[in-house]
C-alpha atoms as a PDB file:
ATOM      1  CA  MET A   1      34.421-176.361 154.659  1.00  0.00           C
ATOM      2  CA  LYS A   2      34.001-176.091 158.428  1.00  0.00           C
ATOM      3  CA  GLU A   3      36.273-178.561 160.166  1.00  0.00           C
ATOM      4  CA  THR A   4      34.684-180.497 163.023  1.00  0.00           C
ATOM      5  CA  SER A   5      36.363-182.440 165.772  1.00  0.00           C
ATOM      6  CA  THR A   6      35.447-185.733 164.115  1.00  0.00           C
ATOM      7  CA  ARG A   7      37.133-184.736 160.871  1.00  0.00           C
ATOM      8  CA  LEU A   8      40.320-183.169 162.169  1.00  0.00           C
ATOM      9  CA  ARG A   9      43.562-184.991 161.620  1.00  0.00           C
ATOM     10  CA  PRO A  10      46.256-184.643 164.278  1.00  0.00           C
ATOM     11  CA  ARG A  11      48.290-181.457 164.197  1.00  0.00           C
ATOM     12  CA  GLN A  12      51.592-181.572 162.304  1.00  0.00           C
ATOM     13  CA  ASP A  13      50.079-184.190 160.019  1.00  0.00           C
ATOM     14  CA  THR A  14      53.013-186.244 158.794  1.00  0.00           C
ATOM     15  CA  SER A  15      51.059-189.457 158.313  1.00  0.00           C
ATOM     16  CA  SER A  16      50.966-191.462 155.108  1.00  0.00           C
ATOM     17  CA  PRO A  17      50.334-191.216 152.225  1.00  0.00           C
ATOM     18  CA  TYR A  18      53.652-189.599 151.374  1.00  0.00           C
ATOM     19  CA  LEU A  19      53.890-187.425 148.283  1.00  0.00           C
ATOM     20  CA  ASN A  20      57.640-187.370 147.692  1.00  0.00           C
ATOM     21  CA  THR A  21      58.048-191.090 148.324  1.00  0.00           C
ATOM     22  CA  ALA A  22      55.210-191.819 145.905  1.00  0.00           C
ATOM     23  CA  ALA A  23      56.528-189.471 143.205  1.00  0.00           C
ATOM     24  CA  LYS A  24      60.029-190.926 143.345  1.00  0.00           C
ATOM     25  CA  ALA A  25      58.648-194.458 143.198  1.00  0.00           C
ATOM     26  CA  LYS A  26      56.977-193.459 139.924  1.00  0.00           C
ATOM     27  CA  GLY A  27      60.243-192.179 138.461  1.00  0.00           C
ATOM     28  CA  LYS A  28      60.045-188.463 139.249  1.00  0.00           C
ATOM     29  CA  LEU A  29      62.905-186.598 140.948  1.00  0.00           C
ATOM     30  CA  TRP A  30      60.791-185.114 143.729  1.00  0.00           C
ATOM     31  CA  PHE A  31      57.646-183.690 145.129  1.00  0.00           C
ATOM     32  CA  GLY A  32      58.736-180.509 146.891  1.00  0.00           C
ATOM     33  CA  SER A  33      57.734-177.251 148.520  1.00  0.00           C
ATOM     34  CA  ALA A  34      59.101-173.725 148.474  1.00  0.00           C
ATOM     35  CA  THR A  35      59.991-172.138 151.787  1.00  0.00           C
ATOM     36  CA  ASP A  36      60.866-168.624 152.879  1.00  0.00           C
ATOM     37  CA  THR A  37      63.381-167.946 155.642  1.00  0.00           C
ATOM     38  CA  THR A  38      62.400-164.239 155.636  1.00  0.00           C
ATOM     39  CA  THR A  39      59.131-165.174 157.401  1.00  0.00           C
ATOM     40  CA  ALA A  40      58.367-166.824 160.733  1.00  0.00           C
ATOM     41  CA  GLU A  41      57.699-170.209 159.154  1.00  0.00           C
ATOM     42  CA  THR A  42      61.165-171.656 159.677  1.00  0.00           C
ATOM     43  CA  SER A  43      60.954-170.943 163.419  1.00  0.00           C
ATOM     44  CA  ASP A  44      57.489-172.510 163.580  1.00  0.00           C
ATOM     45  CA  VAL A  45      57.942-176.004 165.026  1.00  0.00           C
ATOM     46  CA  SER A  46      54.705-177.323 163.537  1.00  0.00           C
ATOM     47  CA  TYR A  47      55.646-176.051 160.084  1.00  0.00           C
ATOM     48  CA  MET A  48      59.155-177.449 160.242  1.00  0.00           C
ATOM     49  CA  THR A  49      57.971-180.850 161.463  1.00  0.00           C
ATOM     50  CA  ILE A  50      56.133-181.264 158.177  1.00  0.00           C
ATOM     51  CA  PHE A  51      58.722-179.528 155.999  1.00  0.00           C
ATOM     52  CA  ASN A  52      61.546-181.681 157.347  1.00  0.00           C
ATOM     53  CA  ASN A  53      59.737-184.925 156.571  1.00  0.00           C
ATOM     54  CA  SER A  54      61.515-186.057 153.422  1.00  0.00           C
ATOM     55  CA  ASN A  55      58.800-188.600 152.723  1.00  0.00           C
ATOM     56  CA  ILE A  56      56.445-185.680 152.080  1.00  0.00           C
ATOM     57  CA  PHE A  57      58.826-183.139 150.502  1.00  0.00           C
ATOM     58  CA  GLY A  58      62.090-184.029 148.770  1.00  0.00           C
ATOM     59  CA  GLN A  59      63.011-180.658 147.318  1.00  0.00           C
ATOM     60  CA  THR A  60      62.729-176.981 148.157  1.00  0.00           C
ATOM     61  CA  THR A  61      62.963-173.610 146.440  1.00  0.00           C
ATOM     62  CA  PRO A  62      63.983-170.429 148.286  1.00  0.00           C
ATOM     63  CA  ALA A  63      60.992-168.161 147.733  1.00  0.00           C
ATOM     64  CA  ASN A  64      62.934-164.892 148.021  1.00  0.00           C
ATOM     65  CA  THR A  65      66.406-165.102 149.495  1.00  0.00           C
ATOM     66  CA  MET A  66      68.370-165.762 146.307  1.00  0.00           C
ATOM     67  CA  LYS A  67      66.790-162.902 144.384  1.00  0.00           C
ATOM     68  CA  TRP A  68      68.922-159.931 143.383  1.00  0.00           C
ATOM     69  CA  GLU A  69      67.893-157.515 146.146  1.00  0.00           C
ATOM     70  CA  PHE A  70      68.890-160.071 148.779  1.00  0.00           C
ATOM     71  CA  THR A  71      72.108-161.327 147.187  1.00  0.00           C
ATOM     72  CA  GLU A  72      73.637-158.132 145.762  1.00  0.00           C
ATOM     73  CA  PRO A  73      71.962-155.227 147.600  1.00  0.00           C
ATOM     74  CA  THR A  74      74.696-152.827 146.477  1.00  0.00           C
ATOM     75  CA  GLN A  75      76.955-153.324 143.496  1.00  0.00           C
ATOM     76  CA  ASN A  76      79.655-155.951 144.099  1.00  0.00           C
ATOM     77  CA  ASN A  77      78.506-156.391 147.691  1.00  0.00           C
ATOM     78  CA  PHE A  78      77.348-160.001 147.661  1.00  0.00           C
ATOM     79  CA  THR A  79      75.499-161.503 150.611  1.00  0.00           C
ATOM     80  CA  LEU A  80      74.760-165.182 150.080  1.00  0.00           C
ATOM     81  CA  SER A  81      74.026-166.000 153.718  1.00  0.00           C
ATOM     82  CA  ALA A  82      70.227-165.844 153.478  1.00  0.00           C
ATOM     83  CA  GLY A  83      70.195-168.269 150.567  1.00  0.00           C
ATOM     84  CA  ASN A  84      72.563-170.523 152.454  1.00  0.00           C
ATOM     85  CA  GLU A  85      69.983-170.752 155.243  1.00  0.00           C
ATOM     86  CA  THR A  86      67.593-172.433 152.813  1.00  0.00           C
ATOM     87  CA  ILE A  87      70.357-174.705 151.547  1.00  0.00           C
ATOM     88  CA  ALA A  88      71.189-175.714 155.118  1.00  0.00           C
ATOM     89  CA  LEU A  89      67.535-176.541 155.814  1.00  0.00           C
ATOM     90  CA  ALA A  90      67.390-178.606 152.655  1.00  0.00           C
ATOM     91  CA  LYS A  91      70.570-180.528 153.385  1.00  0.00           C
ATOM     92  CA  ALA A  92      69.434-181.294 156.932  1.00  0.00           C
ATOM     93  CA  SER A  93      66.503-183.292 155.558  1.00  0.00           C
ATOM     94  CA  GLY A  94      68.075-184.589 152.341  1.00  0.00           C
ATOM     95  CA  LYS A  95      66.322-182.227 149.951  1.00  0.00           C
ATOM     96  CA  LEU A  96      67.465-181.001 146.555  1.00  0.00           C
ATOM     97  CA  VAL A  97      67.322-177.239 145.924  1.00  0.00           C
ATOM     98  CA  ARG A  98      65.991-175.416 142.870  1.00  0.00           C
ATOM     99  CA  CYS A  99      67.829-172.109 143.169  1.00  0.00           C
ATOM    100  CA  HIS A 100      65.654-169.134 142.249  1.00  0.00           C
ATOM    101  CA  ASN A 101      66.388-166.749 140.492  1.00  0.00           C
ATOM    102  CA  LEU A 102      69.182-164.842 138.750  1.00  0.00           C
ATOM    103  CA  VAL A 103      67.488-162.279 136.458  1.00  0.00           C
ATOM    104  CA  TRP A 104      63.955-160.933 136.935  1.00  0.00           C
ATOM    105  CA  SER A 105      62.064-157.662 136.582  1.00  0.00           C
ATOM    106  CA  SER A 106      61.074-157.599 140.259  1.00  0.00           C
ATOM    107  CA  GLU A 107      62.885-157.585 143.605  1.00  0.00           C
ATOM    108  CA  LEU A 108      65.788-155.665 142.135  1.00  0.00           C
ATOM    109  CA  PRO A 109      67.809-153.235 144.267  1.00  0.00           C
ATOM    110  CA  SER A 110      67.620-149.536 143.414  1.00  0.00           C
ATOM    111  CA  TRP A 111      71.174-149.480 142.110  1.00  0.00           C
ATOM    112  CA  VAL A 112      70.006-151.768 139.294  1.00  0.00           C
ATOM    113  CA  THR A 113      66.645-150.189 138.511  1.00  0.00           C
ATOM    114  CA  GLY A 114      67.931-146.623 138.850  1.00  0.00           C
ATOM    115  CA  GLY A 115      71.391-147.037 137.396  1.00  0.00           C
ATOM    116  CA  ASN A 116      72.761-144.929 134.562  1.00  0.00           C
ATOM    117  CA  TRP A 117      73.472-147.885 132.311  1.00  0.00           C
ATOM    118  CA  THR A 118      74.830-148.497 128.864  1.00  0.00           C
ATOM    119  CA  ASN A 119      74.422-151.796 127.071  1.00  0.00           C
ATOM    120  CA  ALA A 120      77.979-152.759 127.965  1.00  0.00           C
ATOM    121  CA  THR A 121      77.911-151.741 131.626  1.00  0.00           C
ATOM    122  CA  LEU A 122      74.609-153.481 132.401  1.00  0.00           C
ATOM    123  CA  LEU A 123      75.750-156.615 130.605  1.00  0.00           C
ATOM    124  CA  ALA A 124      78.884-156.593 132.735  1.00  0.00           C
ATOM    125  CA  ALA A 125      76.848-156.199 135.934  1.00  0.00           C
ATOM    126  CA  MET A 126      74.476-158.964 134.888  1.00  0.00           C
ATOM    127  CA  GLU A 127      77.312-161.317 134.018  1.00  0.00           C
ATOM    128  CA  ASN A 128      79.030-160.593 137.313  1.00  0.00           C
ATOM    129  CA  HIS A 129      75.827-161.257 139.271  1.00  0.00           C
ATOM    130  CA  ILE A 130      75.078-164.520 137.468  1.00  0.00           C
ATOM    131  CA  THR A 131      78.646-165.791 137.707  1.00  0.00           C
ATOM    132  CA  THR A 132      79.066-164.925 141.376  1.00  0.00           C
ATOM    133  CA  LEU A 133      75.827-166.608 142.457  1.00  0.00           C
ATOM    134  CA  ILE A 134      76.284-169.763 140.404  1.00  0.00           C
ATOM    135  CA  GLN A 135      79.849-170.203 141.581  1.00  0.00           C
ATOM    136  CA  GLY A 136      79.083-169.074 145.135  1.00  0.00           C
ATOM    137  CA  TYR A 137      76.274-171.563 145.732  1.00  0.00           C
ATOM    138  CA  GLY A 138      77.897-174.154 143.483  1.00  0.00           C
ATOM    139  CA  SER A 139      76.697-177.737 143.539  1.00  0.00           C
ATOM    140  CA  SER A 140      74.288-176.990 146.399  1.00  0.00           C
ATOM    141  CA  CYS A 141      71.921-175.967 143.607  1.00  0.00           C
ATOM    142  CA  TYR A 142      70.359-178.770 141.602  1.00  0.00           C
ATOM    143  CA  SER A 143      69.249-176.116 139.132  1.00  0.00           C
ATOM    144  CA  TRP A 144      68.852-172.368 138.600  1.00  0.00           C
ATOM    145  CA  ASP A 145      65.951-170.373 137.236  1.00  0.00           C
ATOM    146  CA  VAL A 146      68.271-168.172 135.203  1.00  0.00           C
ATOM    147  CA  VAL A 147      65.614-165.813 133.839  1.00  0.00           C
ATOM    148  CA  ASN A 148      62.209-165.500 135.462  1.00  0.00           C
ATOM    149  CA  GLU A 149      58.995-164.235 133.881  1.00  0.00           C
ATOM    150  CA  ALA A 150      60.435-162.446 130.865  1.00  0.00           C
ATOM    151  CA  LEU A 151      57.242-162.640 128.792  1.00  0.00           C
ATOM    152  CA  ASN A 152      53.883-160.882 128.698  1.00  0.00           C
ATOM    153  CA  SER A 153      50.668-162.724 127.884  1.00  0.00           C
ATOM    154  CA  ASP A 154      50.873-161.583 124.250  1.00  0.00           C
ATOM    155  CA  GLY A 155      54.362-163.074 123.886  1.00  0.00           C
ATOM    156  CA  SER A 156      56.180-159.748 123.999  1.00  0.00           C
ATOM    157  CA  PHE A 157      58.985-159.109 126.449  1.00  0.00           C
ATOM    158  CA  THR A 158      58.165-157.657 129.851  1.00  0.00           C
ATOM    159  CA  SER A 159      59.428-154.107 130.260  1.00  0.00           C
ATOM    160  CA  ASN A 160      62.388-153.849 132.631  1.00  0.00           C
ATOM    161  CA  VAL A 161      65.822-152.293 132.984  1.00  0.00           C
ATOM    162  CA  PHE A 162      67.449-155.148 131.090  1.00  0.00           C
ATOM    163  CA  LEU A 163      65.136-154.877 128.096  1.00  0.00           C
ATOM    164  CA  THR A 164      65.516-151.091 128.024  1.00  0.00           C
ATOM    165  CA  ASN A 165      69.319-151.079 128.040  1.00  0.00           C
ATOM    166  CA  ILE A 166      70.252-154.390 126.428  1.00  0.00           C
ATOM    167  CA  GLY A 167      67.226-155.406 124.396  1.00  0.00           C
ATOM    168  CA  GLU A 168      65.700-158.862 123.985  1.00  0.00           C
ATOM    169  CA  ALA A 169      69.187-160.349 123.778  1.00  0.00           C
ATOM    170  CA  TYR A 170      69.499-160.010 127.555  1.00  0.00           C
ATOM    171  CA  VAL A 171      67.685-163.353 127.920  1.00  0.00           C
ATOM    172  CA  PRO A 172      69.915-165.584 125.778  1.00  0.00           C
ATOM    173  CA  LEU A 173      73.003-163.701 126.987  1.00  0.00           C
ATOM    174  CA  ALA A 174      72.021-164.476 130.586  1.00  0.00           C
ATOM    175  CA  TYR A 175      72.036-168.172 129.667  1.00  0.00           C
ATOM    176  CA  LYS A 176      75.366-167.788 127.900  1.00  0.00           C
ATOM    177  CA  TYR A 177      76.882-166.317 131.069  1.00  0.00           C
ATOM    178  CA  ALA A 178      75.216-168.982 133.197  1.00  0.00           C
ATOM    179  CA  THR A 179      76.506-171.746 130.941  1.00  0.00           C
ATOM    180  CA  ALA A 180      80.060-170.459 131.292  1.00  0.00           C
ATOM    181  CA  ALA A 181      79.696-170.162 135.069  1.00  0.00           C
ATOM    182  CA  VAL A 182      78.378-173.710 135.412  1.00  0.00           C
ATOM    183  CA  THR A 183      81.207-175.035 133.253  1.00  0.00           C
ATOM    184  CA  ALA A 184      83.721-173.276 135.481  1.00  0.00           C
ATOM    185  CA  THR A 185      82.296-174.962 138.597  1.00  0.00           C
ATOM    186  CA  GLY A 186      82.601-178.421 137.061  1.00  0.00           C
ATOM    187  CA  ALA A 187      79.225-179.256 138.652  1.00  0.00           C
ATOM    188  CA  ASP A 188      76.111-180.614 136.978  1.00  0.00           C
ATOM    189  CA  ILE A 189      73.797-177.643 137.534  1.00  0.00           C
ATOM    190  CA  LYS A 190      70.663-177.481 135.408  1.00  0.00           C
ATOM    191  CA  LEU A 191      69.561-174.201 133.823  1.00  0.00           C
ATOM    192  CA  PHE A 192      65.841-173.404 133.577  1.00  0.00           C
ATOM    193  CA  TYR A 193      63.524-170.688 132.321  1.00  0.00           C
ATOM    194  CA  ASN A 194      60.525-170.069 134.642  1.00  0.00           C
ATOM    195  CA  ASP A 195      57.178-168.430 133.866  1.00  0.00           C
ATOM    196  CA  TYR A 196      53.418-168.431 134.485  1.00  0.00           C
ATOM    197  CA  SER A 197      50.449-168.748 132.095  1.00  0.00           C
ATOM    198  CA  ILE A 198      52.342-171.128 129.822  1.00  0.00           C
ATOM    199  CA  GLU A 199      50.507-174.168 131.197  1.00  0.00           C
ATOM    200  CA  ALA A 200      48.093-174.359 128.243  1.00  0.00           C
ATOM    201  CA  LEU A 201      48.685-173.825 124.546  1.00  0.00           C
ATOM    202  CA  SER A 202      48.634-170.077 123.979  1.00  0.00           C
ATOM    203  CA  THR A 203      50.572-167.210 122.457  1.00  0.00           C
ATOM    204  CA  LYS A 204      52.703-167.070 125.603  1.00  0.00           C
ATOM    205  CA  ASN A 205      53.405-170.807 125.525  1.00  0.00           C
ATOM    206  CA  THR A 206      54.554-170.449 121.919  1.00  0.00           C
ATOM    207  CA  ALA A 207      56.744-167.500 122.897  1.00  0.00           C
ATOM    208  CA  ALA A 208      58.348-169.597 125.643  1.00  0.00           C
ATOM    209  CA  VAL A 209      59.092-172.347 123.129  1.00  0.00           C
ATOM    210  CA  ASN A 210      60.650-169.777 120.798  1.00  0.00           C
ATOM    211  CA  LEU A 211      62.698-168.413 123.680  1.00  0.00           C
ATOM    212  CA  VAL A 212      64.193-171.864 124.230  1.00  0.00           C
ATOM    213  CA  LYS A 213      65.127-171.949 120.552  1.00  0.00           C
ATOM    214  CA  THR A 214      66.715-168.495 120.744  1.00  0.00           C
ATOM    215  CA  ILE A 215      68.760-169.390 123.811  1.00  0.00           C
ATOM    216  CA  LYS A 216      70.106-172.459 122.045  1.00  0.00           C
ATOM    217  CA  SER A 217      70.910-170.388 118.939  1.00  0.00           C
ATOM    218  CA  TYR A 218      73.326-168.353 121.086  1.00  0.00           C
ATOM    219  CA  GLY A 219      75.255-171.506 121.912  1.00  0.00           C
ATOM    220  CA  ALA A 220      73.982-171.403 125.492  1.00  0.00           C
ATOM    221  CA  ASN A 221      72.599-174.280 127.502  1.00  0.00           C
ATOM    222  CA  ILE A 222      69.028-174.563 128.726  1.00  0.00           C
ATOM    223  CA  ASP A 223      67.902-177.766 130.401  1.00  0.00           C
ATOM    224  CA  GLY A 224      64.298-177.026 131.117  1.00  0.00           C
ATOM    225  CA  VAL A 225      61.281-174.791 131.565  1.00  0.00           C
ATOM    226  CA  GLY A 226      59.421-174.222 134.827  1.00  0.00           C
ATOM    227  CA  PHE A 227      55.627-174.118 134.667  1.00  0.00           C
ATOM    228  CA  GLU A 228      54.719-171.946 137.663  1.00  0.00           C
ATOM    229  CA  SER A 229      51.102-173.146 137.852  1.00  0.00           C
ATOM    230  CA  HIS A 230      49.510-170.455 140.020  1.00  0.00           C
ATOM    231  CA  PHE A 231      45.818-171.284 139.619  1.00  0.00           C
ATOM    232  CA  SER A 232      42.492-170.621 141.326  1.00  0.00           C
ATOM    233  CA  THR A 233      39.134-172.306 141.628  1.00  0.00           C
ATOM    234  CA  SER A 234      37.973-169.795 139.000  1.00  0.00           C
ATOM    235  CA  TYR A 235      40.624-170.840 136.482  1.00  0.00           C
ATOM    236  CA  TYR A 236      42.842-173.848 135.976  1.00  0.00           C
ATOM    237  CA  PRO A 237      43.815-175.771 132.826  1.00  0.00           C
ATOM    238  CA  THR A 238      42.722-179.377 132.451  1.00  0.00           C
ATOM    239  CA  THR A 239      45.075-182.336 132.405  1.00  0.00           C
ATOM    240  CA  THR A 240      44.834-182.515 128.602  1.00  0.00           C
ATOM    241  CA  GLN A 241      45.557-178.813 128.177  1.00  0.00           C
ATOM    242  CA  GLN A 242      48.607-179.055 130.410  1.00  0.00           C
ATOM    243  CA  GLU A 243      49.875-182.197 128.722  1.00  0.00           C
ATOM    244  CA  GLN A 244      49.636-180.415 125.365  1.00  0.00           C
ATOM    245  CA  ALA A 245      51.540-177.409 126.716  1.00  0.00           C
ATOM    246  CA  MET A 246      54.208-179.641 128.225  1.00  0.00           C
ATOM    247  CA  ALA A 247      54.543-181.545 124.952  1.00  0.00           C
ATOM    248  CA  SER A 248      55.118-178.315 123.015  1.00  0.00           C
ATOM    249  CA  VAL A 249      58.033-177.430 125.298  1.00  0.00           C
ATOM    250  CA  ALA A 250      59.412-180.958 125.572  1.00  0.00           C
ATOM    251  CA  ALA A 251      59.615-181.095 121.772  1.00  0.00           C
ATOM    252  CA  GLU A 252      62.608-178.748 122.081  1.00  0.00           C
ATOM    253  CA  GLY A 253      64.540-181.425 123.967  1.00  0.00           C
ATOM    254  CA  VAL A 254      64.225-179.857 127.426  1.00  0.00           C
ATOM    255  CA  ASN A 255      62.679-181.003 130.685  1.00  0.00           C
ATOM    256  CA  ILE A 256      59.790-179.460 132.613  1.00  0.00           C
ATOM    257  CA  HIS A 257      59.267-178.781 136.308  1.00  0.00           C
ATOM    258  CA  VAL A 258      55.992-177.753 137.913  1.00  0.00           C
ATOM    259  CA  THR A 259      57.587-175.044 140.034  1.00  0.00           C
ATOM    260  CA  GLU A 260      55.100-172.917 142.007  1.00  0.00           C
ATOM    261  CA  LEU A 261      51.827-174.805 142.211  1.00  0.00           C
ATOM    262  CA  ASP A 262      48.985-173.427 144.306  1.00  0.00           C
ATOM    263  CA  VAL A 263      45.232-173.098 143.814  1.00  0.00           C
ATOM    264  CA  ALA A 264      43.417-170.260 145.573  1.00  0.00           C
ATOM    265  CA  CYS A 265      39.836-170.614 146.740  1.00  0.00           C
ATOM    266  CA  SER A 266      37.502-167.829 145.591  1.00  0.00           C
ATOM    267  CA  SER A 267      36.793-166.877 149.212  1.00  0.00           C
ATOM    268  CA  VAL A 268      37.973-167.873 152.682  1.00  0.00           C
ATOM    269  CA  PRO A 269      37.186-170.197 154.297  1.00  0.00           C
ATOM    270  CA  CYS A 270      36.956-172.419 151.232  1.00  0.00           C
ATOM    271  CA  SER A 271      33.451-173.667 150.580  1.00  0.00           C
ATOM    272  CA  THR A 272      32.809-177.383 150.154  1.00  0.00           C
ATOM    273  CA  ALA A 273      32.399-176.779 146.415  1.00  0.00           C
ATOM    274  CA  ASP A 274      35.643-174.790 146.228  1.00  0.00           C
ATOM    275  CA  LEU A 275      37.541-177.524 148.057  1.00  0.00           C
ATOM    276  CA  ALA A 276      36.373-180.049 145.471  1.00  0.00           C
ATOM    277  CA  THR A 277      37.336-177.709 142.626  1.00  0.00           C
ATOM    278  CA  GLN A 278      40.688-176.997 144.264  1.00  0.00           C
ATOM    279  CA  ALA A 279      41.324-180.730 144.541  1.00  0.00           C
ATOM    280  CA  THR A 280      40.468-181.123 140.847  1.00  0.00           C
ATOM    281  CA  ALA A 281      42.903-178.384 139.840  1.00  0.00           C
ATOM    282  CA  TYR A 282      45.713-179.958 141.845  1.00  0.00           C
ATOM    283  CA  TYR A 283      44.821-183.405 140.522  1.00  0.00           C
ATOM    284  CA  ASP A 284      44.838-182.260 136.888  1.00  0.00           C
ATOM    285  CA  THR A 285      48.225-180.540 137.200  1.00  0.00           C
ATOM    286  CA  ILE A 286      49.923-183.462 138.918  1.00  0.00           C
ATOM    287  CA  SER A 287      48.302-185.889 136.475  1.00  0.00           C
ATOM    288  CA  ALA A 288      49.721-183.896 133.559  1.00  0.00           C
ATOM    289  CA  CYS A 289      53.228-184.060 134.996  1.00  0.00           C
ATOM    290  CA  MET A 290      52.914-187.757 135.803  1.00  0.00           C
ATOM    291  CA  GLY A 291      51.755-188.393 132.240  1.00  0.00           C
ATOM    292  CA  THR A 292      54.651-186.464 130.687  1.00  0.00           C
ATOM    293  CA  THR A 293      58.051-188.146 130.718  1.00  0.00           C
ATOM    294  CA  ALA A 294      59.857-184.810 130.351  1.00  0.00           C
ATOM    295  CA  CYS A 295      58.161-183.459 133.511  1.00  0.00           C
ATOM    296  CA  THR A 296      60.597-184.583 136.163  1.00  0.00           C
ATOM    297  CA  GLY A 297      59.594-182.753 139.363  1.00  0.00           C
ATOM    298  CA  MET A 298      56.674-181.022 141.069  1.00  0.00           C
ATOM    299  CA  THR A 299      56.849-178.220 143.655  1.00  0.00           C
ATOM    300  CA  VAL A 300      54.100-176.402 145.541  1.00  0.00           C
ATOM    301  CA  TRP A 301      54.641-172.728 146.375  1.00  0.00           C
ATOM    302  CA  ASP A 302      54.772-173.370 150.108  1.00  0.00           C
ATOM    303  CA  PHE A 303      52.422-175.909 151.657  1.00  0.00           C
ATOM    304  CA  ASP A 304      50.628-174.126 154.508  1.00  0.00           C
ATOM    305  CA  ASP A 305      47.906-171.471 154.151  1.00  0.00           C
ATOM    306  CA  LYS A 306      49.276-169.491 157.089  1.00  0.00           C
ATOM    307  CA  TYR A 307      52.419-168.556 155.172  1.00  0.00           C
ATOM    308  CA  SER A 308      51.116-168.493 151.600  1.00  0.00           C
ATOM    309  CA  TRP A 309      51.813-165.413 149.488  1.00  0.00           C
ATOM    310  CA  ILE A 310      48.106-165.490 148.575  1.00  0.00           C
ATOM    311  CA  GLN A 311      46.258-163.889 151.490  1.00  0.00           C
ATOM    312  CA  PRO A 312      42.634-162.697 151.221  1.00  0.00           C
ATOM    313  CA  SER A 313      43.465-159.177 152.390  1.00  0.00           C
ATOM    314  CA  SER A 314      45.725-158.556 149.409  1.00  0.00           C
ATOM    315  CA  ASN A 315      44.149-160.838 146.790  1.00  0.00           C
ATOM    316  CA  GLY A 316      40.519-159.775 146.531  1.00  0.00           C
ATOM    317  CA  GLY A 317      39.330-162.276 149.109  1.00  0.00           C
ATOM    318  CA  GLU A 318      41.017-165.275 147.497  1.00  0.00           C
ATOM    319  CA  GLY A 319      43.146-167.496 149.686  1.00  0.00           C
ATOM    320  CA  ASN A 320      43.772-170.868 151.363  1.00  0.00           C
ATOM    321  CA  PRO A 321      45.608-172.110 148.246  1.00  0.00           C
ATOM    322  CA  ASP A 322      47.896-174.730 149.760  1.00  0.00           C
ATOM    323  CA  LEU A 323      47.847-178.403 150.712  1.00  0.00           C
ATOM    324  CA  TYR A 324      47.667-177.723 154.461  1.00  0.00           C
ATOM    325  CA  TYR A 325      45.359-175.472 156.438  1.00  0.00           C
ATOM    326  CA  SER A 326      46.845-172.944 158.834  1.00  0.00           C
ATOM    327  CA  ASN A 327      46.340-175.452 161.666  1.00  0.00           C
ATOM    328  CA  TYR A 328      48.544-177.987 159.811  1.00  0.00           C
ATOM    329  CA  THR A 329      45.759-180.370 158.867  1.00  0.00           C
ATOM    330  CA  ARG A 330      45.397-181.303 155.223  1.00  0.00           C
ATOM    331  CA  HIS A 331      43.139-179.994 152.499  1.00  0.00           C
ATOM    332  CA  PRO A 332      41.311-182.636 150.427  1.00  0.00           C
ATOM    333  CA  ALA A 333      43.724-181.550 147.673  1.00  0.00           C
ATOM    334  CA  TYR A 334      46.511-183.442 149.459  1.00  0.00           C
ATOM    335  CA  THR A 335      44.611-186.676 148.829  1.00  0.00           C
ATOM    336  CA  ALA A 336      43.994-185.600 145.227  1.00  0.00           C
ATOM    337  CA  VAL A 337      47.716-185.044 144.660  1.00  0.00           C
ATOM    338  CA  TYR A 338      48.569-188.475 146.021  1.00  0.00           C
ATOM    339  CA  GLU A 339      45.900-190.126 143.880  1.00  0.00           C
ATOM    340  CA  ALA A 340      47.192-188.314 140.791  1.00  0.00           C
ATOM    341  CA  ILE A 341      50.736-189.499 141.486  1.00  0.00           C
ATOM    342  CA  GLU A 342      49.458-193.069 141.858  1.00  0.00           C
ATOM    343  CA  GLY A 343      47.315-192.846 138.720  1.00  0.00           C
ATOM    344  CA  GLN A 344      44.127-193.396 140.706  1.00  0.00           C
ATOM    345  CA  SER A 345      40.778-191.705 140.202  1.00  0.00           C
ATOM    346  CA  CYS A 346      40.242-188.640 142.341  1.00  0.00           C
ATOM    347  CA  SER A 347      38.052-189.476 145.329  1.00  0.00           C
ATOM    348  CA  VAL A 348      37.751-185.906 146.615  1.00  0.00           C
ATOM    349  CA  CYS A 349      37.201-183.946 143.405  1.00  0.00           C
END
């Protein structure tokens, strides 16, 4: 859609309606956005004017700075300062923080991926990493994504150094270590599993449900499952499909967060048709969470196209997936999200 002067909202659009205020009024914990202090966004005044408005966003997730390569770049050399930058930003505007993540196949330092490990030595390193981060960040974290993206689409485990040297037990053992670390802090820190392509009933959704059961069988705690929700105008599950997927997970007595929501247009700039489809995809996802008691919070994976991880040059032409354009005016999807929170029909879909 080509924006014209008669359709442009003011820059740094912080006008009502307010997504976080609306979500909390309906009983949810937050509507939030990820942010990334490794990019220029946090020194961008226009970006921060919107991010800091707690009426719009009441929670944040550090996109990268709490991952292993940032927090333990060499063994036993812990650097928590980058993650603390995100925490400081959150506290300055009254936001909760979903800390992300402790164990994942990607963004690992070479000493982990290239180490000469045994089962026992890698378990010890994993336990040390989990314990140090949970205790180091402490109650500043509302929750932790303990293990991230451990499953393939067929329900098998993703190949990584942990699976190779420890086996499938690395997942429940990570939660066992995390449970002990949380207990030692005395804080109420929630433990989540986070993954993509579990937002509709599927083999992978079933595998995620079984993973929750396995974690519990080890005597470990798991409080919830994060539905990443990275969609596009070419594919997104309907409200009903997402409600069914959420129900299958909630049946295990855990909560759900929508953790990384974005919807990429098939080409950039988004066509009028793509903007309507994008709004529908956002609307359906938020509607599913609003209609599911166990879904307690919703987070977009950054809010501004300028800083999105989905850029046309590296994603086959897809892009502009967020709620704000690069000039800090709003996509129609912003209206769709608000209408979904309020239980209204979508006027822009």
